[in-house]
N, C-alpha and C. Protein backbone atom coordinates (compact mmCIF):
# COMPACT_ATOMS: atom_id res chain seq x y z
N GLU A 1 0.67 -1.11 0.24
CA GLU A 1 0.00 -0.27 -0.02
C GLU A 1 0.75 1.23 -0.02
N GLU A 2 1.80 1.37 0.58
CA GLU A 2 2.72 2.54 0.79
C GLU A 2 3.37 2.71 -0.66
N SER A 3 3.87 1.38 -1.46
CA SER A 3 4.16 2.01 -2.59
C SER A 3 3.55 2.48 -3.79
N LYS A 4 1.84 1.87 -3.34
CA LYS A 4 0.84 2.72 -4.28
C LYS A 4 0.34 4.13 -4.11
N ASN A 5 0.54 4.21 -2.63
CA ASN A 5 0.42 5.78 -2.69
C ASN A 5 2.06 7.07 -3.02
N THR A 6 2.65 6.35 -2.47
CA THR A 6 3.91 6.84 -2.93
C THR A 6 3.88 7.10 -4.82
N GLN A 7 3.34 6.05 -5.65
CA GLN A 7 2.92 6.13 -6.82
C GLN A 7 2.23 7.54 -7.22
N GLN A 8 1.03 7.25 -6.24
CA GLN A 8 -0.08 8.63 -6.68
C GLN A 8 0.77 9.32 -6.34
N LEU A 9 1.66 9.54 -4.89
CA LEU A 9 2.20 10.98 -5.30
C LEU A 9 2.94 11.71 -5.98
N ASP A 10 3.93 10.88 -6.08
CA ASP A 10 4.58 10.85 -7.80
C ASP A 10 3.97 11.34 -9.26
N THR A 11 2.98 10.79 -8.94
CA THR A 11 2.33 10.91 -10.26
C THR A 11 1.52 12.69 -10.33
N ILE A 12 1.03 12.52 -9.21
CA ILE A 12 0.21 14.19 -9.12
C ILE A 12 1.29 14.86 -8.91
N PHE A 13 1.90 15.10 -8.72
CA PHE A 13 3.37 16.03 -8.22
C PHE A 13 4.37 16.22 -9.11
N ASN A 14 4.10 15.12 -9.95
CA ASN A 14 5.45 14.84 -11.10
C ASN A 14 6.83 15.00 -10.54
N LEU A 15 6.94 14.41 -9.46
CA LEU A 15 7.94 13.98 -8.38
C LEU A 15 9.29 13.07 -9.61
N ARG A 16 8.58 12.53 -10.09
CA ARG A 16 9.76 11.44 -10.99
C ARG A 16 10.85 12.08 -11.79
N ASP A 17 10.55 13.18 -12.21
CA ASP A 17 11.03 14.33 -12.78
C ASP A 17 12.31 14.89 -11.77
N HIS A 18 12.10 14.39 -10.67
CA HIS A 18 13.22 15.18 -9.42
C HIS A 18 13.91 13.77 -8.54
N LEU A 19 13.67 12.76 -9.15
CA LEU A 19 13.71 11.70 -8.52
C LEU A 19 14.87 10.88 -9.19
N THR A 20 16.39 11.12 -8.20
CA THR A 20 17.26 10.05 -8.87
C THR A 20 17.98 8.93 -8.22
N VAL A 21 18.35 7.63 -8.31
CA VAL A 21 18.28 6.86 -7.39
C VAL A 21 19.88 6.89 -7.39
N GLU A 22 20.53 6.69 -5.60
CA GLU A 22 21.71 6.70 -5.99
C GLU A 22 21.93 5.41 -4.70
N ASN A 23 22.58 4.62 -5.26
CA ASN A 23 23.02 2.91 -4.00
C ASN A 23 21.01 2.59 -3.40
N GLY A 24 20.69 2.42 -4.50
CA GLY A 24 18.86 1.88 -4.28
C GLY A 24 18.11 2.64 -3.98
N VAL A 25 18.51 4.24 -3.24
CA VAL A 25 17.84 4.95 -2.34
C VAL A 25 17.78 6.18 -3.33
N PRO A 26 16.09 7.10 -2.88
CA PRO A 26 15.96 7.99 -4.28
C PRO A 26 16.18 9.08 -3.58
N LYS A 27 16.83 10.01 -4.24
CA LYS A 27 17.81 11.15 -3.89
C LYS A 27 16.79 12.47 -4.75
N THR A 28 16.67 13.32 -3.90
CA THR A 28 16.02 14.52 -4.68
C THR A 28 16.76 15.61 -5.08
N GLU A 29 16.62 15.85 -6.14
CA GLU A 29 17.47 16.83 -6.67
C GLU A 29 16.60 18.08 -7.74
N MET A 30 16.98 19.34 -6.59
CA MET A 30 15.77 19.96 -7.37
C MET A 30 17.05 20.82 -8.00
N THR A 31 17.11 21.29 -9.43
CA THR A 31 17.66 22.11 -9.62
C THR A 31 17.60 23.90 -9.84
N THR A 32 16.08 24.13 -10.32
CA THR A 32 15.81 26.02 -10.10
C THR A 32 14.84 26.01 -9.14
N LEU A 33 15.07 26.92 -8.45
CA LEU A 33 14.13 27.68 -7.39
C LEU A 33 13.66 28.73 -8.22
N LEU A 34 12.28 29.19 -8.01
CA LEU A 34 12.03 30.27 -8.56
C LEU A 34 11.52 31.46 -7.20
N PRO A 35 10.75 32.40 -7.99
CA PRO A 35 10.86 33.78 -7.03
C PRO A 35 9.53 33.33 -6.60
N CYS A 36 8.76 33.77 -5.70
CA CYS A 36 7.81 34.05 -4.74
C CYS A 36 7.03 35.00 -5.29
N SER A 37 6.06 35.33 -6.70
CA SER A 37 5.68 36.24 -6.66
C SER A 37 4.36 36.67 -6.15
N THR A 38 3.70 37.62 -5.86
CA THR A 38 2.45 37.65 -5.40
C THR A 38 1.68 36.69 -6.37
N GLY A 39 0.43 36.65 -5.46
CA GLY A 39 -0.83 35.88 -6.18
C GLY A 39 -0.84 34.44 -5.69
N GLN A 40 -0.90 33.81 -6.76
CA GLN A 40 -1.09 31.87 -6.41
C GLN A 40 -0.03 31.48 -5.45
N ARG A 41 1.24 32.10 -6.10
CA ARG A 41 2.16 31.26 -5.16
C ARG A 41 2.47 31.91 -3.61
N LEU A 42 1.97 33.47 -3.63
CA LEU A 42 2.33 33.82 -2.24
C LEU A 42 0.98 33.31 -1.22
N THR A 43 -0.19 32.80 -2.30
CA THR A 43 -1.40 32.63 -1.28
C THR A 43 -1.02 30.88 -0.71
N ASP A 44 -0.38 30.69 -1.40
CA ASP A 44 -0.22 28.73 -0.83
C ASP A 44 0.99 28.67 -0.32
N VAL A 45 1.91 29.98 -0.10
CA VAL A 45 3.18 29.92 0.66
C VAL A 45 2.59 30.39 2.32
N ILE A 46 1.46 31.34 2.33
CA ILE A 46 0.90 31.74 3.30
C ILE A 46 0.35 30.30 4.05
N ASP A 47 -0.24 29.91 3.26
CA ASP A 47 -1.23 28.50 3.88
C ASP A 47 -0.35 27.18 4.40
N LEU A 48 1.06 27.34 3.32
CA LEU A 48 1.79 26.46 4.16
C LEU A 48 2.27 26.81 5.23
N GLU A 49 2.81 28.08 5.41
CA GLU A 49 3.62 28.70 6.49
C GLU A 49 2.56 28.37 7.65
N ARG A 50 1.58 28.58 7.71
CA ARG A 50 0.24 28.54 8.78
C ARG A 50 -0.30 27.16 9.30
N ALA A 51 0.19 26.34 7.84
CA ALA A 51 -0.42 24.56 8.27
C ALA A 51 1.23 24.08 8.83
N SER A 52 2.63 24.70 9.05
CA SER A 52 3.59 24.10 9.65
C SER A 52 3.85 24.56 10.48
N TYR A 53 3.37 25.88 11.12
CA TYR A 53 3.98 26.60 12.62
C TYR A 53 2.77 26.39 13.33
N PRO A 54 2.75 26.48 14.59
CA PRO A 54 1.96 27.06 15.65
C PRO A 54 1.63 28.63 15.41
N ALA A 55 0.46 28.71 15.56
CA ALA A 55 0.12 30.06 15.40
C ALA A 55 0.87 31.43 15.80
N ASP A 56 1.69 30.80 17.24
CA ASP A 56 2.38 31.88 18.40
C ASP A 56 3.84 32.11 17.31
N GLU A 57 4.21 31.22 16.10
CA GLU A 57 5.98 31.07 15.35
C GLU A 57 5.52 31.54 13.95
N ALA A 58 4.08 31.15 13.58
CA ALA A 58 4.19 31.56 12.02
C ALA A 58 3.96 33.02 12.04
N ALA A 59 4.57 32.99 10.33
CA ALA A 59 4.88 34.50 9.96
C ALA A 59 3.37 34.95 9.64
N SER A 60 3.16 35.71 9.24
CA SER A 60 1.33 36.65 9.49
C SER A 60 1.79 36.94 7.74
N GLN A 61 0.58 36.86 7.01
CA GLN A 61 0.23 37.07 5.83
C GLN A 61 1.19 38.45 5.54
N GLU A 62 0.72 39.77 6.19
CA GLU A 62 1.33 41.13 5.96
C GLU A 62 3.03 40.56 6.12
N THR A 63 3.69 40.21 7.05
CA THR A 63 5.13 39.79 7.07
C THR A 63 5.56 39.05 6.22
N LEU A 64 4.79 37.69 5.58
CA LEU A 64 4.99 37.18 4.26
C LEU A 64 5.30 38.10 2.99
N GLY A 65 3.66 39.10 2.96
CA GLY A 65 3.62 40.09 1.88
C GLY A 65 4.86 41.03 2.02
N TYR A 66 5.52 41.78 2.88
CA TYR A 66 6.69 42.53 3.27
C TYR A 66 7.90 41.60 2.05
N ARG A 67 7.95 40.32 2.94
CA ARG A 67 9.40 39.63 3.00
C ARG A 67 9.09 39.70 0.99
N VAL A 68 8.46 39.14 0.32
CA VAL A 68 8.65 38.99 -1.02
C VAL A 68 8.52 40.39 -1.47
N GLU A 69 8.00 41.35 -0.94
CA GLU A 69 8.66 42.62 -1.63
C GLU A 69 9.42 43.43 -1.65
N VAL A 70 10.29 42.98 -0.30
CA VAL A 70 11.50 43.99 0.03
C VAL A 70 12.75 42.88 -0.40
N ALA A 71 12.50 41.63 -0.15
CA ALA A 71 13.68 40.61 -0.78
C ALA A 71 13.01 39.31 -1.55
N PRO A 72 12.76 40.11 -2.90
CA PRO A 72 12.24 38.96 -3.97
C PRO A 72 13.73 37.44 -3.91
N GLU A 73 14.61 38.57 -3.97
CA GLU A 73 15.75 37.37 -4.65
C GLU A 73 16.14 36.03 -3.56
N LEU A 74 15.87 36.80 -2.43
CA LEU A 74 15.75 35.40 -1.44
C LEU A 74 14.23 34.75 -0.82
N PHE A 75 13.82 35.33 -1.67
CA PHE A 75 11.71 34.24 -1.31
C PHE A 75 11.72 33.22 -2.48
N ARG A 76 12.09 31.90 -2.64
CA ARG A 76 11.84 31.54 -3.48
C ARG A 76 11.53 30.06 -3.06
N VAL A 77 10.73 29.45 -4.16
CA VAL A 77 9.90 28.31 -3.63
C VAL A 77 10.52 27.42 -5.29
N GLN A 78 9.82 26.12 -5.11
CA GLN A 78 10.07 25.22 -5.37
C GLN A 78 8.46 24.52 -6.19
N LEU A 79 7.91 24.35 -7.05
CA LEU A 79 6.46 24.18 -7.61
C LEU A 79 6.75 22.48 -8.18
N ALA A 80 5.54 22.00 -7.54
CA ALA A 80 5.36 20.55 -7.29
C ALA A 80 4.83 20.23 -8.62
N ASP A 81 4.33 20.99 -9.28
CA ASP A 81 3.67 20.12 -10.56
C ASP A 81 3.73 21.61 -11.70
N GLN A 82 3.02 21.24 -12.90
CA GLN A 82 2.28 22.36 -13.39
C GLN A 82 1.70 23.40 -13.45
N SER A 83 0.69 23.28 -12.77
CA SER A 83 0.08 23.94 -12.04
C SER A 83 0.18 25.00 -11.48
N GLU A 84 1.42 25.36 -10.98
CA GLU A 84 2.25 26.18 -10.04
C GLU A 84 1.70 26.17 -8.93
N ARG A 85 1.46 24.72 -8.17
CA ARG A 85 1.19 25.15 -7.04
C ARG A 85 3.01 24.80 -6.19
N VAL A 86 2.47 25.09 -5.01
CA VAL A 86 3.98 25.42 -4.44
C VAL A 86 4.50 24.08 -3.37
N ALA A 87 5.32 23.26 -3.61
CA ALA A 87 5.89 22.64 -2.96
C ALA A 87 6.68 22.45 -1.78
N GLY A 88 7.52 23.40 -1.89
CA GLY A 88 8.27 23.92 -0.70
C GLY A 88 8.60 25.42 -0.96
N PHE A 89 9.53 26.30 0.04
CA PHE A 89 9.64 27.62 -0.34
C PHE A 89 10.92 27.87 1.26
N VAL A 90 11.65 28.43 0.30
CA VAL A 90 12.65 29.00 1.32
C VAL A 90 12.25 30.84 1.48
N CYS A 91 12.17 31.32 2.81
CA CYS A 91 11.79 32.48 3.61
C CYS A 91 13.26 33.52 4.17
N ALA A 92 13.58 34.27 3.20
CA ALA A 92 14.40 35.22 4.22
C ALA A 92 14.77 36.39 3.18
N THR A 93 15.16 37.24 4.59
CA THR A 93 16.00 38.67 4.55
C THR A 93 17.47 38.87 4.95
N ALA A 94 17.62 39.97 4.72
CA ALA A 94 19.48 40.16 4.62
C ALA A 94 19.19 41.35 5.77
N ALA A 95 20.78 40.83 6.74
CA ALA A 95 21.30 41.96 7.51
C ALA A 95 22.23 42.52 7.22
N PRO A 96 23.11 43.27 7.71
CA PRO A 96 24.04 44.24 7.35
C PRO A 96 25.22 43.05 7.31
N GLN A 97 26.50 43.83 6.19
CA GLN A 97 27.64 43.31 6.48
C GLN A 97 28.38 43.12 8.08
N GLY A 98 28.87 41.78 8.32
CA GLY A 98 28.84 41.40 9.84
C GLY A 98 28.41 41.43 10.84
N THR A 99 27.01 41.12 10.60
CA THR A 99 26.14 40.51 11.91
C THR A 99 26.56 39.41 11.53
N THR A 100 26.85 38.83 13.35
CA THR A 100 27.45 38.11 13.93
C THR A 100 26.17 36.70 14.52
N HIS A 101 25.05 37.82 14.98
CA HIS A 101 24.40 36.64 15.16
C HIS A 101 22.78 37.19 14.89
N LEU A 102 21.71 36.26 14.88
CA LEU A 102 20.64 36.85 14.92
C LEU A 102 19.92 37.72 16.18
N THR A 103 19.62 38.98 15.64
CA THR A 103 18.30 39.33 16.45
C THR A 103 17.13 39.51 16.44
N HIS A 104 16.09 40.43 16.95
CA HIS A 104 14.69 40.74 16.85
C HIS A 104 14.71 41.73 15.45
N GLU A 105 16.12 42.59 15.71
CA GLU A 105 16.15 43.13 14.54
C GLU A 105 16.48 42.94 13.46
N THR A 106 17.62 42.19 13.00
CA THR A 106 17.69 41.19 12.16
C THR A 106 16.69 40.33 11.69
N MET A 107 15.90 39.57 12.16
CA MET A 107 14.97 38.72 11.85
C MET A 107 13.64 39.87 11.00
N SER A 108 13.31 41.11 11.97
CA SER A 108 12.19 41.88 11.47
C SER A 108 12.35 43.01 10.76
N ASN A 109 13.52 43.23 9.92
CA ASN A 109 14.06 43.99 8.88
C ASN A 109 14.45 43.45 7.63
N HIS A 110 14.48 44.27 6.82
CA HIS A 110 16.04 43.80 5.00
C HIS A 110 16.45 45.15 4.89
N ALA A 111 17.82 44.45 4.95
CA ALA A 111 19.09 45.58 4.99
C ALA A 111 19.26 45.47 3.36
N VAL A 112 18.95 46.45 2.21
CA VAL A 112 19.01 45.87 0.79
C VAL A 112 19.95 45.63 0.07
N GLN A 113 21.64 46.25 0.99
CA GLN A 113 22.16 45.57 0.73
C GLN A 113 23.43 44.99 1.78
N GLY A 114 22.49 44.48 2.74
CA GLY A 114 23.32 42.93 2.91
C GLY A 114 23.88 42.43 3.05
N THR A 115 24.84 41.50 3.54
CA THR A 115 25.66 40.72 2.98
C THR A 115 25.58 39.21 3.90
N VAL A 116 24.38 39.27 4.79
CA VAL A 116 24.49 38.37 5.88
C VAL A 116 22.60 37.83 5.58
N VAL A 117 22.32 36.49 5.08
CA VAL A 117 20.77 36.05 4.66
C VAL A 117 20.57 35.23 6.06
N CYS A 118 19.31 36.14 6.27
CA CYS A 118 18.57 36.00 7.60
C CYS A 118 17.54 34.25 6.82
N ILE A 119 17.80 33.52 7.37
CA ILE A 119 16.62 32.46 6.94
C ILE A 119 15.70 32.16 7.92
N HIS A 120 14.21 32.75 7.47
CA HIS A 120 13.06 32.51 8.31
C HIS A 120 12.65 31.24 8.47
N SER A 121 12.04 30.69 6.91
CA SER A 121 11.41 29.84 7.14
C SER A 121 11.50 28.47 5.73
N VAL A 122 11.43 27.31 6.28
CA VAL A 122 12.05 26.30 5.06
C VAL A 122 10.86 25.83 5.67
N VAL A 123 10.02 25.21 4.57
CA VAL A 123 8.62 24.37 4.75
C VAL A 123 8.72 23.84 2.90
N VAL A 124 8.00 22.46 3.25
CA VAL A 124 7.81 22.00 2.57
C VAL A 124 6.42 21.12 2.89
N ARG A 125 5.52 21.22 1.34
CA ARG A 125 4.32 20.74 1.92
C ARG A 125 4.22 19.69 2.79
N PRO A 126 3.04 19.48 3.88
CA PRO A 126 2.87 18.14 4.80
C PRO A 126 2.61 16.67 3.77
N GLU A 127 2.15 16.78 2.78
CA GLU A 127 2.28 15.45 2.04
C GLU A 127 3.34 14.78 1.42
N LEU A 128 4.37 15.39 1.03
CA LEU A 128 5.29 15.77 0.49
C LEU A 128 6.76 15.63 1.37
N ARG A 129 6.59 15.93 2.86
CA ARG A 129 7.78 15.58 3.57
C ARG A 129 8.09 14.26 3.69
N ARG A 130 9.65 13.77 4.13
CA ARG A 130 9.71 12.94 4.75
C ARG A 130 10.66 12.35 3.41
N ARG A 131 10.82 13.02 1.89
CA ARG A 131 11.11 12.32 0.86
C ARG A 131 12.26 13.18 0.53
N GLY A 132 13.11 13.74 1.17
CA GLY A 132 14.55 14.47 0.52
C GLY A 132 13.89 15.92 -0.14
N LEU A 133 12.43 16.20 -0.43
CA LEU A 133 12.78 17.33 -0.72
C LEU A 133 13.33 18.70 0.27
N GLY A 134 12.92 18.62 1.37
CA GLY A 134 13.12 19.70 2.41
C GLY A 134 14.77 19.78 2.01
N LEU A 135 15.67 18.83 2.54
CA LEU A 135 17.26 19.05 2.03
C LEU A 135 17.24 19.03 0.72
N ALA A 136 17.13 19.12 -0.21
CA ALA A 136 16.96 19.54 -1.57
C ALA A 136 17.07 21.12 -1.73
N LEU A 137 15.78 21.14 -1.19
CA LEU A 137 15.26 22.93 -1.19
C LEU A 137 16.29 23.57 -0.74
N VAL A 138 16.80 23.65 0.57
CA VAL A 138 17.81 23.76 1.66
C VAL A 138 18.96 24.11 1.18
N LYS A 139 19.61 22.55 0.28
CA LYS A 139 20.92 22.91 -0.56
C LYS A 139 21.43 23.94 -1.68
N THR A 140 19.94 23.63 -2.53
CA THR A 140 20.00 24.43 -3.54
C THR A 140 19.55 26.05 -3.19
N TYR A 141 19.12 26.40 -2.70
CA TYR A 141 19.16 27.42 -1.90
C TYR A 141 20.05 27.89 -1.56
N ILE A 142 20.94 27.15 -1.09
CA ILE A 142 22.44 27.27 -0.58
C ILE A 142 23.37 27.64 -1.48
N ARG A 143 23.30 26.86 -2.62
CA ARG A 143 23.77 26.69 -3.60
C ARG A 143 23.92 28.46 -4.62
N GLU A 144 22.66 28.36 -4.71
CA GLU A 144 22.24 29.73 -5.29
C GLU A 144 22.84 31.12 -4.27
N LEU A 145 22.68 30.88 -3.04
CA LEU A 145 23.39 32.05 -2.42
C LEU A 145 25.08 32.02 -3.18
N ARG A 146 25.66 31.38 -2.64
CA ARG A 146 26.86 30.73 -2.72
C ARG A 146 27.58 31.65 -4.46
N GLU A 147 26.47 31.06 -5.14
CA GLU A 147 27.30 31.20 -6.81
C GLU A 147 27.04 33.14 -7.24
N SER A 148 26.01 33.54 -6.33
CA SER A 148 25.72 34.91 -6.69
C SER A 148 26.59 35.88 -6.35
N GLY A 149 27.31 35.37 -5.46
CA GLY A 149 28.77 36.01 -4.59
C GLY A 149 28.49 37.06 -4.00
N ARG A 150 26.84 37.68 -3.58
CA ARG A 150 27.13 38.39 -2.90
C ARG A 150 26.92 38.49 -1.35
N TYR A 151 26.72 37.15 -0.68
CA TYR A 151 26.47 37.09 0.44
C TYR A 151 27.66 36.18 1.29
N GLU A 152 27.87 36.65 2.76
CA GLU A 152 29.08 35.94 3.21
C GLU A 152 28.99 34.95 3.86
N LYS A 153 27.37 34.60 4.50
CA LYS A 153 27.21 33.94 5.32
C LYS A 153 25.53 34.13 5.33
N ALA A 154 25.37 32.60 5.86
CA ALA A 154 23.64 32.13 6.11
C ALA A 154 23.13 31.86 8.01
N LEU A 155 22.40 32.29 8.26
CA LEU A 155 22.19 32.67 9.45
C LEU A 155 20.31 31.84 9.42
N LEU A 156 20.26 31.15 10.71
CA LEU A 156 19.07 30.30 10.97
C LEU A 156 18.79 30.63 11.92
N LEU A 157 17.65 29.97 12.55
CA LEU A 157 17.06 29.32 13.85
C LEU A 157 16.21 28.16 13.39
N SER A 158 16.52 27.60 14.52
CA SER A 158 16.07 25.86 14.61
C SER A 158 15.60 26.00 15.74
N LYS A 159 14.64 24.60 15.96
CA LYS A 159 14.38 23.85 17.13
C LYS A 159 15.09 22.79 17.06
N GLN A 160 15.35 22.66 18.62
CA GLN A 160 16.32 21.32 17.99
C GLN A 160 16.34 20.41 17.86
N ARG A 161 15.19 19.42 17.53
CA ARG A 161 14.95 18.81 16.55
C ARG A 161 15.23 18.64 15.17
N LEU A 162 15.24 19.58 14.54
CA LEU A 162 15.63 19.95 13.10
C LEU A 162 17.21 20.40 13.38
N ILE A 163 17.89 20.29 14.10
CA ILE A 163 19.28 20.82 13.94
C ILE A 163 20.42 19.71 13.16
N PRO A 164 20.08 18.55 13.11
CA PRO A 164 21.05 17.34 12.41
C PRO A 164 20.08 17.80 10.77
N PHE A 165 19.30 18.37 10.96
CA PHE A 165 18.75 18.46 9.53
C PHE A 165 19.77 19.31 8.89
N TYR A 166 19.73 20.81 9.46
CA TYR A 166 20.08 21.67 8.38
C TYR A 166 21.91 21.55 9.05
N GLN A 167 22.34 20.82 9.59
CA GLN A 167 23.87 20.01 9.85
C GLN A 167 24.26 19.34 8.28
N GLN A 168 23.33 18.78 8.26
CA GLN A 168 23.42 17.75 6.56
C GLN A 168 22.92 18.49 5.78
N ALA A 169 22.76 19.94 5.33
CA ALA A 169 22.73 21.00 4.87
C ALA A 169 24.43 21.87 4.48
N GLY A 170 25.37 21.55 6.25
CA GLY A 170 25.73 22.54 5.62
C GLY A 170 26.47 23.26 6.98
N PHE A 171 25.05 23.24 7.71
CA PHE A 171 24.56 24.53 8.42
C PHE A 171 26.22 23.73 10.11
N SER A 172 26.36 24.75 10.83
CA SER A 172 27.05 24.54 11.78
C SER A 172 25.91 25.63 12.96
N LEU A 173 26.21 24.57 13.92
CA LEU A 173 25.21 24.93 15.50
C LEU A 173 26.45 26.25 16.51
N ASP A 174 25.80 27.14 16.27
CA ASP A 174 26.10 28.01 17.37
C ASP A 174 26.12 28.16 18.55
N GLY A 175 24.66 27.67 19.30
CA GLY A 175 24.09 27.38 20.37
C GLY A 175 22.70 28.17 20.42
N PRO A 176 22.14 28.02 21.89
CA PRO A 176 20.74 28.67 22.18
C PRO A 176 21.17 30.23 21.19
N SER A 177 19.48 30.37 20.65
CA SER A 177 19.93 31.58 19.87
C SER A 177 19.14 32.85 21.04
N ARG A 178 19.95 33.86 21.28
CA ARG A 178 18.98 34.97 21.77
C ARG A 178 17.90 35.70 21.13
N VAL A 179 16.91 35.48 20.47
CA VAL A 179 16.31 35.53 19.85
C VAL A 179 14.73 34.30 20.63
N GLN A 180 13.86 34.91 20.85
CA GLN A 180 12.68 34.31 21.35
C GLN A 180 12.09 34.34 20.96
N HIS A 181 10.85 33.03 19.94
CA HIS A 181 9.80 33.20 19.21
C HIS A 181 8.86 32.14 19.52
N GLY A 182 8.10 32.43 20.13
CA GLY A 182 7.11 31.14 21.01
C GLY A 182 7.42 30.78 22.01
N VAL A 183 7.08 29.59 21.97
CA VAL A 183 7.46 29.11 23.51
C VAL A 183 8.60 27.98 23.71
N ASP A 184 8.90 27.52 22.58
CA ASP A 184 10.22 26.68 22.17
C ASP A 184 12.04 27.70 21.92
N VAL A 185 12.57 26.89 22.82
CA VAL A 185 13.97 27.51 22.76
C VAL A 185 14.38 27.15 21.01
N TRP A 186 15.34 27.92 20.57
CA TRP A 186 15.55 28.23 19.58
C TRP A 186 16.70 28.35 19.25
N TYR A 187 17.66 27.73 18.35
CA TYR A 187 18.96 27.46 17.97
C TYR A 187 19.48 27.93 17.04
N GLU A 188 20.33 28.65 17.16
CA GLU A 188 21.13 29.36 15.87
C GLU A 188 22.31 28.97 15.09
N LEU A 189 22.22 28.69 14.12
CA LEU A 189 23.06 27.72 12.91
C LEU A 189 23.61 28.50 12.15
N ARG A 190 24.49 28.63 11.44
CA ARG A 190 25.29 29.55 10.37
C ARG A 190 25.41 28.87 9.43
N LEU A 191 26.16 29.10 8.06
CA LEU A 191 26.67 28.13 7.23
C LEU A 191 27.27 29.34 6.71
N ASP A 192 28.97 29.61 6.69
CA ASP A 192 29.91 30.72 5.88
C ASP A 192 30.15 30.67 4.44
N PHE A 193 29.63 31.43 3.82
CA PHE A 193 30.58 31.19 2.43
C PHE A 193 31.65 31.47 2.03
N THR A 194 32.52 32.20 2.75
CA THR A 194 33.96 32.60 2.60
C THR A 194 34.92 31.62 3.13
């Protein structure tokens, strides 16, 4: 039955186009991330954000709209199929050069000339999780940042249970964050590009 469900999802979302097999294990390779424009993509992102975070942690519609407006180059989506449905997204803004740790200010504002990427959200559609899409999404996002040559590092906040996920993508743990958001303890991770 699990095989039948996997085939149905692969058919629905055309994921076969993104899957390769390495040592008998399906590996997801995403080659292109697209801008999160206004309209249906942003509506999908808002719905996914709400479905993926507790109410006291999810970014509001206004906040997500602000981020796509001021930092479109850092707000990227992966589409699941030809209908433009969002499979996952990474949402970030930039902080000034030399920023060493995330603060409420760096998480709330966007520095247009900033060289430090502050990742706010990494989300994959619930029915597509645990298939390697999230890791491929983050790795592709990081590759794009590096290739741009514009950014010195990326910083993000993570719950403890997700630290190994981000470490697989190349991030290093700095320790507990100074930023409090919701009721859980958050940890800061970094990935230097230089």
